[in-house]
Amino acid sequence: MAARSYGQYCGVTTAVELIGERWALLIVRDLLVGPRRYTDLKQGLPRIPTNILSTRLKELQDGGVVRRIPLLRGLAYELTPYGRALEPVILALGRWGFQTMGDPEEGDVVTADSLTMALRTAFRADAADDAEYELHVGEVALHASVRGGRLTVTQVSPPPPPVGGREPERVEPDAVIVAGPGIRRLIGGEITPAEAIAHDVLAVVRGDVAHLDSFARTFHIAPLGASLAV
C-alpha cells in the first residue's frame, strides 16, 4: 500500500490509497489483459521510470492487488481475484474518459494492451453480431472474436508476451480493418461507417465492407448525455 494516507475512514479513500498513485491504474489496465513480465510492463508503459514501476508493483502486491507467478524462465505479475474485481471500474473509467479524449498529442502511442482494453470498453454485448475482426492501428494488430455476445481479443502483432497459456486458435477474419486514431469518431457515433471510409479514417483491406456496420454497432460508446437521457 502507498505510504501516503489521506486520514479518512472511507471506501473511496482506501481505494485511492491502493491504486491512486501515478501509473498504478495503467499497470492494472495492462494486467487485466493478462499476466505480464516486468519487461513487458515497461515496454507497454514506455514513459514510466523503472524505479516507479518497481515501487508501484511492490505497493500493489502489498495491497493484495497484484501477485508474482513463476514462469519457466523468470517471473511474471498477474492480478489477484481482488485486483481483477477492478475490471468493471477500469472499463467504466475508460468510457468516462472517452468522452473528452480528443485527438492524440504528439508522441502519444497505442499499445496492444491499451487497444485491447479500448475494445473491451466499447464492446456492447446487447448489440453485437457474431463476427471475426482483425483491427490494425499503427504497429498493433488484434483479432477480435465475437461469439454469442462474448468478446475475445487476441494479440496478433507485435507477438504477444510469452507468459504461458494455450495458443489461441486462429480463425480467418470476416474483415481486416486498418484504422488511425480517428476510429474514435466511429466508435463515438460522430461519423457513420460510410463517412469513416470516405474521410480515410479507416479502410477495410480484406473481407466484406458491410461488416463495418456490424463493427460500429458492436463497438460503440454513446455520448454521456445520451446515455443519461431518459
Protein backbone atom coordinates (compact mmCIF):
# COMPACT_ATOMS: atom_id res chain seq x y z
CA MET A 1 0.00 0.00 0.00
CA ALA A 2 1.19 3.53 -0.70
CA ALA A 3 2.85 5.18 2.27
CA ARG A 4 0.68 8.29 1.97
CA SER A 5 -2.57 8.22 3.92
CA TYR A 6 -5.48 10.61 3.45
CA GLY A 7 -6.58 10.09 7.03
CA GLN A 8 -10.21 9.36 6.20
CA TYR A 9 -12.27 6.29 7.05
CA CYS A 10 -13.95 5.73 3.68
CA GLY A 11 -14.01 3.06 0.99
CA VAL A 12 -13.13 5.57 -1.73
CA THR A 13 -10.16 6.72 0.37
CA THR A 14 -8.95 3.14 0.77
CA ALA A 15 -9.27 2.55 -2.98
CA VAL A 16 -7.34 5.73 -3.81
CA GLU A 17 -4.61 4.80 -1.35
CA LEU A 18 -4.30 1.41 -3.07
CA ILE A 19 -4.48 2.37 -6.75
CA GLY A 20 -4.49 6.16 -6.88
CA GLU A 21 -0.76 6.72 -7.23
CA ARG A 22 0.50 7.76 -10.67
CA TRP A 23 0.78 4.82 -13.13
CA ALA A 24 -0.92 2.32 -10.78
CA LEU A 25 -4.20 2.17 -12.72
CA LEU A 26 -2.37 1.75 -16.02
CA ILE A 27 -0.45 -1.20 -14.59
CA VAL A 28 -3.79 -2.70 -13.53
CA ARG A 29 -5.20 -1.97 -17.00
CA ASP A 30 -2.43 -3.90 -18.72
CA LEU A 31 -2.63 -6.80 -16.26
CA LEU A 32 -6.36 -7.10 -16.97
CA VAL A 33 -5.31 -8.26 -20.44
CA GLY A 34 -3.13 -11.00 -18.94
CA PRO A 35 -0.03 -11.74 -16.86
CA ARG A 36 3.00 -9.67 -17.79
CA ARG A 37 6.70 -9.81 -17.03
CA TYR A 38 8.41 -6.71 -15.68
CA THR A 39 9.93 -6.05 -19.11
CA ASP A 40 6.51 -6.40 -20.77
CA LEU A 41 5.01 -3.83 -18.40
CA LYS A 42 7.90 -1.46 -19.03
CA GLN A 43 7.51 -1.84 -22.78
CA GLY A 44 3.76 -1.24 -22.57
CA LEU A 45 4.28 1.90 -20.46
CA PRO A 46 7.31 3.40 -22.19
CA ARG A 47 7.33 6.64 -20.19
CA ILE A 48 7.27 5.08 -16.73
CA PRO A 49 10.62 5.34 -14.87
CA THR A 50 11.93 1.94 -13.86
CA ASN A 51 12.09 2.88 -10.18
CA ILE A 52 8.45 3.98 -10.25
CA LEU A 53 7.37 0.75 -11.93
CA SER A 54 9.17 -1.28 -9.26
CA THR A 55 7.66 0.82 -6.49
CA ARG A 56 4.12 0.59 -7.87
CA LEU A 57 4.35 -3.16 -8.32
CA LYS A 58 5.50 -3.56 -4.72
CA GLU A 59 2.68 -1.32 -3.47
CA LEU A 60 0.12 -3.24 -5.49
CA GLN A 61 1.49 -6.52 -4.16
CA ASP A 62 1.40 -5.26 -0.57
CA GLY A 63 -2.20 -4.16 -1.13
CA GLY A 64 -3.25 -7.59 -2.39
CA VAL A 65 -4.00 -6.31 -5.90
CA VAL A 66 -1.10 -7.99 -7.75
CA ARG A 67 0.94 -11.14 -7.17
CA ARG A 68 4.01 -12.67 -8.74
CA ILE A 69 3.82 -16.02 -10.50
CA PRO A 70 6.65 -18.29 -11.68
CA LEU A 71 7.33 -18.91 -15.36
CA LEU A 72 9.60 -21.47 -16.94
CA ARG A 73 12.12 -18.66 -17.09
CA GLY A 74 11.74 -15.88 -14.56
CA LEU A 75 8.64 -14.36 -13.02
CA ALA A 76 5.53 -12.55 -14.16
CA TYR A 77 2.91 -10.40 -12.48
CA GLU A 78 -0.82 -11.06 -12.51
CA LEU A 79 -3.88 -9.64 -10.79
CA THR A 80 -5.25 -11.39 -7.76
CA PRO A 81 -9.03 -12.04 -7.63
CA TYR A 82 -9.24 -8.81 -5.61
CA GLY A 83 -7.35 -6.96 -8.32
CA ARG A 84 -9.40 -8.50 -11.12
CA ALA A 85 -12.52 -7.18 -9.44
CA LEU A 86 -11.35 -3.76 -10.64
CA GLU A 87 -12.26 -4.65 -14.24
CA PRO A 88 -15.73 -3.02 -14.30
CA VAL A 89 -14.22 0.05 -12.61
CA ILE A 90 -11.49 0.32 -15.27
CA LEU A 91 -13.98 -0.18 -18.09
CA ALA A 92 -16.30 2.46 -16.64
CA LEU A 93 -13.36 4.87 -16.29
CA GLY A 94 -12.45 4.19 -19.90
CA ARG A 95 -15.96 5.03 -21.08
CA TRP A 96 -15.98 8.17 -18.95
CA GLY A 97 -12.57 9.32 -20.21
CA PHE A 98 -13.52 8.56 -23.81
CA GLN A 99 -15.95 11.49 -23.70
CA THR A 100 -13.13 14.07 -23.68
CA MET A 101 -10.22 12.21 -25.30
CA GLY A 102 -9.90 14.49 -28.30
CA ASP A 103 -7.13 13.90 -30.82
CA PRO A 104 -3.83 12.32 -29.76
CA GLU A 105 -0.96 14.56 -28.70
CA GLU A 106 2.42 14.30 -30.42
CA GLY A 107 4.23 11.27 -29.05
CA ASP A 108 1.09 9.53 -27.79
CA VAL A 109 1.23 5.80 -28.52
CA VAL A 110 -1.26 2.97 -28.86
CA THR A 111 -0.14 -0.30 -27.33
CA ALA A 112 -1.60 -3.76 -27.78
CA ASP A 113 -2.85 -3.79 -24.19
CA SER A 114 -4.36 -0.29 -24.35
CA LEU A 115 -6.15 -1.12 -27.62
CA THR A 116 -7.38 -4.42 -26.21
CA MET A 117 -8.89 -2.62 -23.23
CA ALA A 118 -10.33 0.05 -25.54
CA LEU A 119 -12.22 -2.66 -27.46
CA ARG A 120 -13.42 -4.24 -24.23
CA THR A 121 -14.50 -0.79 -23.01
CA ALA A 122 -16.53 -0.10 -26.16
CA PHE A 123 -18.00 -3.61 -26.51
CA ARG A 124 -21.80 -3.80 -26.45
CA ALA A 125 -22.90 -7.37 -25.95
CA ASP A 126 -26.55 -6.45 -26.47
CA ALA A 127 -25.88 -5.12 -29.98
CA ALA A 128 -23.09 -7.47 -31.05
CA ASP A 129 -23.27 -9.63 -34.16
CA ASP A 130 -21.18 -12.79 -34.33
CA ALA A 131 -18.13 -11.91 -36.40
CA GLU A 132 -14.35 -12.09 -36.57
CA TYR A 133 -12.45 -8.82 -36.95
CA GLU A 134 -8.77 -8.06 -37.36
CA LEU A 135 -8.02 -4.47 -36.38
CA HIS A 136 -4.74 -2.71 -37.24
CA VAL A 137 -3.85 0.61 -35.59
CA GLY A 138 -0.28 1.66 -36.24
CA GLU A 139 2.04 -1.22 -35.41
CA VAL A 140 -0.61 -3.01 -33.34
CA ALA A 141 -2.88 -5.71 -34.75
CA LEU A 142 -5.58 -7.50 -32.75
CA HIS A 143 -8.06 -10.25 -33.54
CA ALA A 144 -11.47 -9.60 -32.01
CA SER A 145 -13.80 -12.59 -31.97
CA VAL A 146 -17.46 -12.01 -31.11
CA ARG A 147 -19.49 -15.13 -30.41
CA GLY A 148 -22.78 -15.34 -28.54
CA GLY A 149 -22.44 -11.89 -27.03
CA ARG A 150 -18.93 -12.58 -25.76
CA LEU A 151 -15.75 -10.81 -26.87
CA THR A 152 -12.33 -12.45 -27.05
CA VAL A 153 -9.37 -10.30 -28.07
CA THR A 154 -6.02 -11.83 -29.01
CA GLN A 155 -2.84 -10.05 -29.96
CA VAL A 156 -1.55 -10.61 -33.48
CA SER A 157 1.23 -8.03 -33.75
CA PRO A 158 3.63 -7.37 -32.12
CA PRO A 159 3.93 -11.00 -30.96
CA PRO A 160 2.24 -11.41 -27.56
CA PRO A 161 4.37 -11.77 -24.41
CA PRO A 162 5.48 -15.37 -23.76
CA VAL A 163 3.83 -15.76 -20.35
CA GLY A 164 2.32 -19.21 -20.81
CA GLY A 165 -1.17 -20.34 -21.62
CA ARG A 166 -2.52 -22.13 -24.65
CA GLU A 167 -2.03 -20.51 -28.02
CA PRO A 168 -5.48 -19.37 -29.24
CA GLU A 169 -6.87 -20.94 -32.38
CA ARG A 170 -6.58 -18.60 -35.34
CA VAL A 171 -9.83 -18.01 -37.23
CA GLU A 172 -9.95 -16.27 -40.59
CA PRO A 173 -11.32 -12.74 -40.02
CA ASP A 174 -14.51 -11.64 -41.75
CA ALA A 175 -12.98 -8.17 -42.13
CA VAL A 176 -9.48 -6.74 -41.78
CA ILE A 177 -9.72 -3.09 -40.74
CA VAL A 178 -6.81 -0.65 -40.89
CA ALA A 179 -7.52 2.48 -38.87
CA GLY A 180 -5.93 5.56 -37.39
CA PRO A 181 -6.82 7.39 -34.16
CA GLY A 182 -9.87 8.79 -35.95
CA ILE A 183 -11.60 5.46 -35.35
CA ARG A 184 -12.59 7.12 -32.07
CA ARG A 185 -15.12 9.14 -34.08
CA LEU A 186 -16.74 5.98 -35.44
CA ILE A 187 -16.91 4.35 -32.01
CA GLY A 188 -18.37 7.54 -30.56
CA GLY A 189 -21.03 7.70 -33.27
CA GLU A 190 -19.77 11.03 -34.65
CA ILE A 191 -19.47 9.55 -38.14
CA THR A 192 -21.03 6.61 -39.94
CA PRO A 193 -19.02 3.69 -41.37
CA ALA A 194 -19.52 5.12 -44.87
CA GLU A 195 -18.21 8.51 -43.74
CA ALA A 196 -15.25 6.84 -41.99
CA ILE A 197 -14.24 5.26 -45.29
CA ALA A 198 -14.90 8.41 -47.30
CA HIS A 199 -12.77 10.53 -44.92
CA ASP A 200 -9.92 7.97 -44.82
CA VAL A 201 -10.45 7.33 -41.11
CA LEU A 202 -10.16 3.63 -41.83
CA ALA A 203 -10.18 1.08 -44.63
CA VAL A 204 -11.41 -2.48 -44.95
CA VAL A 205 -8.47 -4.08 -46.72
CA ARG A 206 -9.86 -7.62 -46.75
CA GLY A 207 -13.34 -9.03 -46.39
CA ASP A 208 -16.80 -7.59 -46.92
CA VAL A 209 -17.04 -3.87 -46.17
CA ALA A 210 -20.59 -4.50 -44.91
CA HIS A 211 -19.03 -5.93 -41.72
CA LEU A 212 -18.05 -2.38 -40.81
CA ASP A 213 -21.69 -1.63 -39.95
CA SER A 214 -21.66 -4.59 -37.57
CA PHE A 215 -18.34 -3.41 -36.10
CA ALA A 216 -19.80 0.05 -35.43
CA ARG A 217 -22.81 -1.47 -33.62
CA THR A 218 -20.64 -3.87 -31.63
CA PHE A 219 -18.07 -1.31 -30.51
CA HIS A 220 -19.82 1.89 -29.52
CA ILE A 221 -19.63 4.40 -26.65
CA ALA A 222 -22.60 6.75 -26.56
CA PRO A 223 -22.06 10.38 -25.57
CA LEU A 224 -22.52 10.79 -21.83
CA GLY A 225 -25.60 13.00 -22.22
CA ALA A 226 -27.24 10.40 -24.45
CA SER A 227 -26.53 7.59 -22.02
CA LEU A 228 -28.10 9.59 -19.18
CA ALA A 229 -31.18 10.61 -21.14
CA VAL A 230 -34.48 9.06 -20.05
